[in-house]
Protein backbone atom coordinates (compact mmCIF):
# COMPACT_ATOMS: atom_id res chain seq x y z
CA UNK A 1 -24.58 -22.88 -6.67
CA UNK A 2 -22.62 -20.80 -8.95
CA UNK A 3 -22.94 -17.69 -7.26
CA UNK A 4 -22.74 -18.54 -3.58
CA UNK A 5 -21.81 -14.80 -2.57
CA UNK A 6 -25.02 -13.36 -4.37
CA UNK A 7 -27.09 -15.97 -2.75
CA UNK A 8 -25.81 -15.27 0.67
CA UNK A 9 -26.31 -11.50 0.17
CA UNK A 10 -30.02 -11.71 -1.05
CA UNK A 11 -30.67 -14.26 1.89
CA UNK A 12 -29.22 -11.42 4.43
CA UNK A 13 -31.28 -8.75 2.71
CA UNK A 14 -34.42 -10.91 2.83
CA UNK A 15 -33.97 -11.75 6.49
CA UNK A 16 -33.29 -8.13 7.41
CA UNK A 17 -36.45 -6.94 5.61
CA UNK A 18 -38.40 -9.84 7.02
CA UNK A 19 -37.68 -8.32 10.67
CA UNK A 20 -39.50 -5.29 9.62
CA UNK A 21 -36.71 -3.02 8.38
CA UNK A 22 -37.13 -0.72 5.65
CA UNK A 23 -35.33 -1.86 2.33
CA UNK A 24 -33.15 1.05 2.23
CA UNK A 25 -32.03 0.79 5.93
CA UNK A 26 -31.49 -2.92 5.42
CA UNK A 27 -29.26 -2.31 2.46
CA UNK A 28 -27.27 0.07 4.43
CA UNK A 29 -27.12 -2.46 7.40
CA UNK A 30 -25.88 -5.07 4.81
CA UNK A 31 -23.22 -2.88 3.33
CA UNK A 32 -21.97 -2.18 6.95
CA UNK A 33 -21.87 -5.93 7.84
CA UNK A 34 -20.03 -6.61 4.72
CA UNK A 35 -17.34 -3.94 5.48
CA UNK A 36 -16.89 -5.27 8.95
CA UNK A 37 -16.45 -8.84 7.76
CA UNK A 38 -13.94 -7.92 5.11
CA UNK A 39 -11.99 -5.89 7.92
CA UNK A 40 -12.39 -8.96 10.37
CA UNK A 41 -10.99 -11.25 7.48
CA UNK A 42 -8.35 -9.00 6.59
CA UNK A 43 -7.22 -8.76 10.24
CA UNK A 44 -7.35 -12.27 11.02
CA UNK A 45 -5.53 -13.28 7.68
CA UNK A 46 -2.67 -11.41 9.18
CA UNK A 47 -1.18 -14.30 10.94
CA UNK A 48 -0.94 -16.08 7.87
CA UNK A 49 0.78 -13.04 6.13
CA UNK A 50 3.34 -12.73 8.87
CA UNK A 51 4.05 -16.34 8.97
CA UNK A 52 4.41 -16.40 5.10
CA UNK A 53 6.64 -13.42 4.90
CA UNK A 54 8.84 -14.84 7.44
CA UNK A 55 9.20 -18.24 5.79
CA UNK A 56 9.93 -16.41 2.49
CA UNK A 57 12.77 -14.14 3.87
CA UNK A 58 14.24 -17.08 5.39
CA UNK A 59 14.33 -19.10 2.34
CA UNK A 60 16.15 -15.96 0.56
CA UNK A 61 18.41 -15.82 3.48
CA UNK A 62 19.13 -19.59 3.14
CA UNK A 63 17.89 -20.45 6.48
CA UNK A 64 14.60 -22.19 7.93
CA UNK A 65 12.64 -19.53 9.60
CA UNK A 66 9.72 -20.42 11.94
CA UNK A 67 9.67 -24.32 12.19
CA UNK A 68 9.02 -25.18 15.64
CA UNK A 69 5.49 -24.25 16.64
CA UNK A 70 2.99 -26.23 14.67
CA UNK A 71 3.32 -27.78 11.31
CA UNK A 72 5.92 -25.85 9.08
CA UNK A 73 5.92 -23.34 12.05
CA UNK A 74 2.54 -22.16 11.13
CA UNK A 75 1.43 -21.39 14.74
CA UNK A 76 4.58 -19.40 15.58
CA UNK A 77 2.64 -16.13 14.82
CA UNK A 78 -0.02 -17.33 17.34
CA UNK A 79 2.49 -17.90 20.16
CA UNK A 80 4.03 -14.40 19.52
CA UNK A 81 0.74 -12.80 19.96
CA UNK A 82 -0.07 -14.84 23.09
CA UNK A 83 3.21 -13.47 24.39
CA UNK A 84 2.60 -10.16 23.62
CA UNK A 85 -1.00 -10.18 25.00
CA UNK A 86 0.63 -11.13 28.41
CA UNK A 87 3.09 -8.35 28.38
CA UNK A 88 2.38 -5.47 30.56
CA UNK A 89 1.27 -2.31 28.93
CA UNK A 90 3.66 0.31 30.14
CA UNK A 91 3.36 4.02 29.37
CA UNK A 92 6.51 6.05 29.76
CA UNK A 93 6.76 8.73 32.41
CA UNK A 94 5.89 12.13 30.79
CA UNK A 95 4.07 10.47 27.96
CA UNK A 96 0.51 11.60 26.88
CA UNK A 97 -1.34 8.45 27.98
CA UNK A 98 -4.39 8.96 25.70
CA UNK A 99 -2.74 9.59 22.69
CA UNK A 100 0.03 7.06 23.48
CA UNK A 101 -2.62 4.27 23.58
CA UNK A 102 -4.77 5.69 20.61
CA UNK A 103 -1.80 5.84 18.21
CA UNK A 104 -1.36 1.96 17.53
CA UNK A 105 -5.39 1.48 17.06
CA UNK A 106 -5.45 4.43 14.48
CA UNK A 107 -2.67 2.79 12.43
CA UNK A 108 -4.38 -0.63 12.61
CA UNK A 109 -7.86 0.76 11.83
CA UNK A 110 -6.47 2.60 8.65
CA UNK A 111 -4.66 -0.55 7.45
CA UNK A 112 -7.94 -2.79 7.93
CA UNK A 113 -10.53 -0.20 6.79
CA UNK A 114 -8.95 -0.18 3.28
CA UNK A 115 -10.23 -3.71 2.90
CA UNK A 116 -13.78 -2.71 2.95
CA UNK A 117 -13.67 -1.68 -0.65
CA UNK A 118 -11.52 -4.33 -2.15
CA UNK A 119 -13.58 -6.62 -4.37
CA UNK A 120 -12.57 -10.43 -4.07
CA UNK A 121 -15.18 -11.56 -6.63
CA UNK A 122 -18.10 -10.10 -8.52
CA UNK A 123 -20.22 -9.99 -5.22
CA UNK A 124 -17.69 -10.55 -2.64
CA UNK A 125 -16.81 -7.20 -1.43
CA UNK A 126 -17.54 -5.44 1.72
CA UNK A 127 -19.33 -2.39 0.28
CA UNK A 128 -19.28 -1.20 -3.29
CA UNK A 129 -19.36 2.61 -3.32
CA UNK A 130 -18.73 4.82 -6.10
CA UNK A 131 -15.79 6.72 -4.38
CA UNK A 132 -13.79 3.87 -3.52
CA UNK A 133 -10.55 5.39 -4.68
CA UNK A 134 -11.05 8.43 -2.68
CA UNK A 135 -11.93 6.43 0.36
CA UNK A 136 -8.54 4.56 -0.02
CA UNK A 137 -6.64 7.57 -0.26
CA UNK A 138 -8.56 9.15 2.84
CA UNK A 139 -8.29 6.09 4.91
CA UNK A 140 -4.59 5.48 4.02
CA UNK A 141 -3.76 8.97 5.56
CA UNK A 142 -5.14 8.14 8.91
CA UNK A 143 -2.22 5.65 9.35
CA UNK A 144 0.20 8.60 9.00
CA UNK A 145 -1.64 10.59 11.74
CA UNK A 146 -1.51 7.67 14.14
CA UNK A 147 2.47 7.31 13.43
CA UNK A 148 2.92 11.05 14.32
CA UNK A 149 0.92 10.83 17.49
CA UNK A 150 2.85 7.84 18.31
CA UNK A 151 6.05 9.64 18.09
CA UNK A 152 4.80 12.85 19.67
CA UNK A 153 3.15 11.18 22.56
CA UNK A 154 6.16 9.04 23.69
CA UNK A 155 8.19 12.03 25.11
CA UNK A 156 11.21 10.55 23.23
CA UNK A 157 13.47 12.32 20.93
CA UNK A 158 14.36 9.30 18.84
CA UNK A 159 10.42 8.51 18.48
CA UNK A 160 9.77 12.26 17.59
CA UNK A 161 12.65 12.13 14.91
CA UNK A 162 11.07 8.85 13.38
CA UNK A 163 7.42 10.52 13.46
CA UNK A 164 8.92 13.43 11.43
CA UNK A 165 10.69 11.15 9.09
CA UNK A 166 7.48 9.42 8.48
CA UNK A 167 5.50 12.49 8.22
CA UNK A 168 7.85 13.72 5.44
CA UNK A 169 8.09 10.45 3.84
CA UNK A 170 4.31 9.47 3.72
CA UNK A 171 2.78 12.60 2.89
CA UNK A 172 5.24 13.12 0.07
CA UNK A 173 4.95 9.75 -1.61
CA UNK A 174 1.13 10.29 -1.37
CA UNK A 175 1.45 12.83 -4.03
CA UNK A 176 2.54 10.57 -6.79
CA UNK A 177 0.23 7.71 -5.45
CA UNK A 178 -2.75 9.81 -5.95
CA UNK A 179 -1.71 10.97 -9.39
CA UNK A 180 -1.30 7.43 -10.58
CA UNK A 181 -4.68 6.44 -8.90
CA UNK A 182 -6.16 9.05 -11.53
CA UNK A 183 -4.98 6.81 -14.34
CA UNK A 184 -7.30 3.70 -13.80
CA UNK A 185 -10.18 6.14 -12.77
CA UNK A 186 -9.77 8.00 -16.19
CA UNK A 187 -9.46 4.74 -18.08
CA UNK A 188 -12.65 3.33 -16.48
CA UNK A 189 -14.68 6.40 -15.88
CA UNK A 190 -15.43 5.45 -12.46
CA UNK A 191 -13.83 5.86 -8.91
CA UNK A 192 -15.47 2.52 -7.76
CA UNK A 193 -13.45 -0.55 -7.60
CA UNK A 194 -15.73 -2.85 -9.08
CA UNK A 195 -16.41 -0.58 -12.02
CA UNK A 196 -12.45 -0.31 -12.43
CA UNK A 197 -12.36 -4.24 -12.48
CA UNK A 198 -15.15 -4.44 -14.82
CA UNK A 199 -13.51 -2.08 -17.23
CA UNK A 200 -10.33 -4.39 -17.67
CA UNK A 201 -12.51 -7.45 -19.18
CA UNK A 202 -10.87 -6.77 -22.45
CA UNK A 203 -7.42 -5.99 -21.20
CA UNK A 204 -5.90 -5.04 -17.99
CA UNK A 205 -4.56 -1.81 -17.14
CA UNK A 206 -1.18 -3.17 -16.66
CA UNK A 207 -0.86 -3.55 -20.49
CA UNK A 208 -2.41 -0.25 -21.23
CA UNK A 209 -0.63 1.79 -18.62
CA UNK A 210 2.52 -0.13 -17.47
CA UNK A 211 4.44 3.32 -16.53
CA UNK A 212 1.45 4.45 -14.14
CA UNK A 213 1.36 0.75 -12.72
CA UNK A 214 5.03 0.95 -11.89
CA UNK A 215 4.64 4.32 -10.38
CA UNK A 216 1.95 3.15 -8.30
CA UNK A 217 3.79 0.24 -6.84
CA UNK A 218 6.94 2.30 -6.06
CA UNK A 219 4.90 4.93 -4.35
CA UNK A 220 2.99 2.26 -2.36
CA UNK A 221 6.11 0.85 -0.97
CA UNK A 222 7.32 4.34 0.25
CA UNK A 223 3.91 5.24 1.33
CA UNK A 224 3.63 2.07 3.52
CA UNK A 225 7.37 2.12 4.70
CA UNK A 226 8.47 -0.98 3.04
CA UNK A 227 12.29 -1.55 2.05
CA UNK A 228 14.01 0.38 0.67
CA UNK A 229 12.12 2.97 2.01
CA UNK A 230 12.00 1.61 5.53
CA UNK A 231 13.34 4.84 7.09
CA UNK A 232 10.65 4.87 9.54
CA UNK A 233 12.26 2.23 11.59
CA UNK A 234 16.04 2.79 10.82
CA UNK A 235 17.43 0.66 13.78
CA UNK A 236 21.12 2.08 13.15
CA UNK A 237 19.94 5.57 12.95
CA UNK A 238 16.96 6.38 15.20
CA UNK A 239 16.75 3.21 17.47
CA UNK A 240 13.82 1.59 15.49
CA UNK A 241 12.02 5.01 15.29
CA UNK A 242 8.55 6.00 16.33
CA UNK A 243 7.66 3.01 18.11
CA UNK A 244 10.65 2.93 20.22
CA UNK A 245 8.79 3.54 23.37
CA UNK A 246 6.26 0.76 22.80
CA UNK A 247 6.17 -2.65 24.02
CA UNK A 248 3.60 -5.65 24.44
CA UNK A 249 0.40 -5.72 22.55
CA UNK A 250 0.69 -2.08 21.33
CA UNK A 251 4.01 -2.81 19.78
CA UNK A 252 2.53 -5.84 18.05
CA UNK A 253 -0.16 -3.81 16.73
CA UNK A 254 2.23 -1.47 14.60
CA UNK A 255 3.87 -4.64 13.03
CA UNK A 256 0.21 -6.24 12.31
CA UNK A 257 -0.44 -2.94 10.34
CA UNK A 258 2.83 -3.01 8.61
CA UNK A 259 2.53 -6.86 7.58
CA UNK A 260 -1.01 -6.17 6.60
CA UNK A 261 -0.02 -3.21 4.45
CA UNK A 262 2.39 -5.49 2.44
CA UNK A 263 -0.49 -7.47 1.27
CA UNK A 264 -2.62 -4.50 0.79
CA UNK A 265 -0.37 -3.45 -1.59
CA UNK A 266 -0.84 -6.48 -3.88
CA UNK A 267 -4.46 -6.27 -3.47
CA UNK A 268 -4.76 -2.97 -4.60
CA UNK A 269 -2.44 -3.36 -7.35
CA UNK A 270 -4.40 -6.44 -8.72
CA UNK A 271 -7.76 -4.45 -8.34
CA UNK A 272 -6.37 -1.37 -10.18
CA UNK A 273 -4.14 -2.62 -12.84
CA UNK A 274 -4.14 -6.50 -12.88
CA UNK A 275 -7.92 -7.20 -13.50
CA UNK A 276 -8.84 -8.07 -10.07
CA UNK A 277 -11.06 -11.09 -10.14
CA UNK A 278 -11.40 -11.52 -13.83
CA UNK A 279 -10.30 -14.73 -15.44
CA UNK A 280 -11.27 -17.68 -17.34
CA UNK A 281 -14.68 -19.05 -16.21
CA UNK A 282 -15.36 -16.49 -13.69
CA UNK A 283 -18.88 -15.47 -15.33
CA UNK A 284 -20.10 -18.97 -15.01
CA UNK A 285 -18.34 -19.77 -11.66
CA UNK A 286 -17.77 -16.56 -9.63
CA UNK A 287 -15.95 -18.48 -7.04
CA UNK A 288 -13.16 -18.79 -9.12
CA UNK A 289 -12.87 -14.99 -8.90
CA UNK A 290 -11.44 -15.37 -5.65
CA UNK A 291 -8.86 -17.82 -6.54
CA UNK A 292 -7.65 -15.51 -9.27
CA UNK A 293 -7.61 -12.48 -7.00
CA UNK A 294 -5.68 -14.10 -4.36
CA UNK A 295 -3.30 -15.55 -6.85
CA UNK A 296 -2.46 -12.12 -8.54
CA UNK A 297 -2.33 -10.63 -5.00
CA UNK A 298 0.24 -13.27 -3.71
CA UNK A 299 2.40 -12.69 -6.94
CA UNK A 300 2.57 -8.92 -6.18
CA UNK A 301 2.90 -9.52 -2.50
CA UNK A 302 5.93 -11.84 -3.41
CA UNK A 303 7.50 -9.02 -5.21
CA UNK A 304 7.25 -6.76 -2.21
CA UNK A 305 9.17 -9.15 -0.25
CA UNK A 306 11.80 -9.66 -2.96
CA UNK A 307 12.23 -6.05 -3.31
CA UNK A 308 12.84 -5.89 0.51
CA UNK A 309 15.56 -8.54 0.75
CA UNK A 310 17.22 -7.17 -2.57
CA UNK A 311 17.81 -3.57 -2.01
CA UNK A 312 19.55 -1.58 0.69
CA UNK A 313 17.82 1.24 2.61
CA UNK A 314 18.33 4.61 0.98
CA UNK A 315 18.99 7.92 2.87
CA UNK A 316 16.26 10.45 3.75
CA UNK A 317 17.65 12.90 1.36
CA UNK A 318 17.91 10.46 -1.52
CA UNK A 319 14.06 9.47 -0.67
CA UNK A 320 12.80 12.80 -0.87
CA UNK A 321 14.73 13.95 -3.97
CA UNK A 322 13.71 10.85 -5.66
CA UNK A 323 10.01 11.60 -5.09
CA UNK A 324 9.87 15.30 -5.87
CA UNK A 325 12.42 15.23 -8.68
CA UNK A 326 11.44 12.08 -10.52
CA UNK A 327 8.35 10.37 -9.26
CA UNK A 328 6.08 13.47 -8.88
CA UNK A 329 6.86 15.08 -12.39
CA UNK A 330 6.48 11.85 -14.02
CA UNK A 331 3.24 11.16 -12.26
CA UNK A 332 2.14 14.70 -13.65
CA UNK A 333 3.23 13.91 -17.02
CA UNK A 334 1.31 10.51 -17.10
CA UNK A 335 -2.09 12.23 -15.88
CA UNK A 336 -1.59 14.69 -18.95
CA UNK A 337 -0.62 12.21 -21.50
CA UNK A 338 -3.35 9.76 -20.47
CA UNK A 339 -5.99 12.45 -20.33
CA UNK A 340 -4.97 13.51 -23.82
CA UNK A 341 -4.60 9.81 -25.23
CA UNK A 342 -7.91 8.91 -23.77
CA UNK A 343 -9.72 11.91 -25.72
CA UNK A 344 -8.09 10.71 -28.98
CA UNK A 345 -8.79 6.99 -28.55
CA UNK A 346 -11.34 5.46 -31.01
CA UNK A 347 -13.96 3.29 -30.10
CA UNK A 348 -12.28 -0.25 -31.19
CA UNK A 349 -10.15 -1.96 -28.95
CA UNK A 350 -7.02 -2.06 -30.85
CA UNK A 351 -6.92 1.64 -31.83
CA UNK A 352 -7.39 2.47 -28.14
CA UNK A 353 -4.57 0.05 -27.12
CA UNK A 354 -2.07 1.42 -29.76
CA UNK A 355 -2.71 5.01 -28.79
CA UNK A 356 -2.20 4.47 -25.04
CA UNK A 357 0.94 2.34 -25.47
CA UNK A 358 2.12 5.21 -27.68
CA UNK A 359 1.42 7.39 -24.63
CA UNK A 360 3.50 5.03 -22.33
CA UNK A 361 6.23 5.03 -24.97
CA UNK A 362 6.48 8.79 -25.02
CA UNK A 363 6.52 8.59 -21.03
CA UNK A 364 9.34 6.38 -21.11
CA UNK A 365 11.28 8.08 -23.68
CA UNK A 366 10.91 11.21 -21.89
CA UNK A 367 11.98 9.69 -18.65
CA UNK A 368 15.07 8.28 -20.11
CA UNK A 369 15.88 11.36 -21.62
CA UNK A 370 15.80 13.41 -18.33
CA UNK A 371 17.76 10.78 -16.66
CA UNK A 372 20.38 11.00 -19.17
CA UNK A 373 20.51 14.64 -19.04
CA UNK A 374 20.66 14.59 -15.02
CA UNK A 375 23.49 12.10 -15.44
CA UNK A 376 25.53 14.52 -17.64
CA UNK A 377 25.09 17.27 -15.07
CA UNK A 378 26.21 15.02 -12.43
CA UNK A 379 29.40 13.90 -14.54
CA UNK A 380 30.39 17.37 -15.51
CA UNK A 381 30.10 18.57 -11.80
CA UNK A 382 32.13 15.71 -10.72
CA UNK A 383 34.88 16.33 -13.33
CA UNK A 384 35.23 19.94 -11.91
CA UNK A 385 38.50 20.55 -10.23
CA UNK A 386 37.96 20.76 -6.46
CA UNK A 387 39.15 24.16 -5.15
CA UNK A 388 41.41 23.98 -2.09
CA UNK A 389 40.41 26.17 0.90
CA UNK A 390 43.44 28.50 1.70
CA UNK A 391 44.52 27.97 5.47
CA UNK A 392 42.95 30.09 7.85
CA UNK A 393 45.49 32.77 9.29
CA UNK A 394 45.14 33.97 12.80
CA UNK A 395 46.83 37.24 13.54
CA UNK A 396 48.85 37.04 16.84
CA UNK A 397 47.03 38.76 19.43
């Protein structure tokens, strides 16, 4: 049973057609069922992601973390979920009740629906569509809408301020993220995630495009509100942000989406730049693809948590300046350089690799030169003498 996923898919397709359904309708229902199964799997696996992140954070901070409920505290998330479910769902007075309840549902739906197009193995995917990259961008934007609705419907100034911050941050960092998504699309010639993974059989795009991979990782952290870009929930500034009025299960839904987003960053980075499920022996034993995929994704996920514990939160003005003055111009330059380099690449692998690496070197040199020039301007401005303001003279009345 070297390809269990293919055999399960064929069995379900034969079963649906045996019930009298048209082959086209049966294939559509099978894709819909696969997408729902992947979303459910991602939602249930959030219990493990939350426990794992809490244990890793505890180890980094030299403490134990969850260690009471279940072996190694693995059932602590289940206990927390049971506590949240039993709490009363309170809607503040003056809040828009329908929108207030709808907002966390949209946020969770956005986090879960992305997994419908993430390929775990050659045939282990919810649905393989040829516009998967566009789908990821579109579905990810729904979460921004949910956060805005949560802040606006709460009838709280701190929640509204947090929602405005969220809109400014998430919409801004979608620009460089979309630009970097064009690079694997350009190199593979397709917007489908399966085709992008297959295009990395000879060499992962991380080697061919390290600068766009780093840009994608940084912009994904900011777009998902992870540290050091966690301005959406700045406790010391805006009283936990847009979800300040939420409690019980609705409050927990926001954090389910946040923890799931952290692993989603790892899964998308693995798919787009690390070769996805590809590895030794995958063609003969496709089940190994799941092991390779989760191994790479967990490595990126660990990096996300490491960054969270290593860097302090930046200010809102620094975050926006970093995006519009650095990431977005660099993303535009990367698209132009790789578009030109892709047209100049010869058919052989070595020549293509050398030309693309030269493009990365050009981007790196240009970035360093721009940073050096910016630092010189800052140093000159700091060296200028500070003009003293003359005292204000008030004429006697």
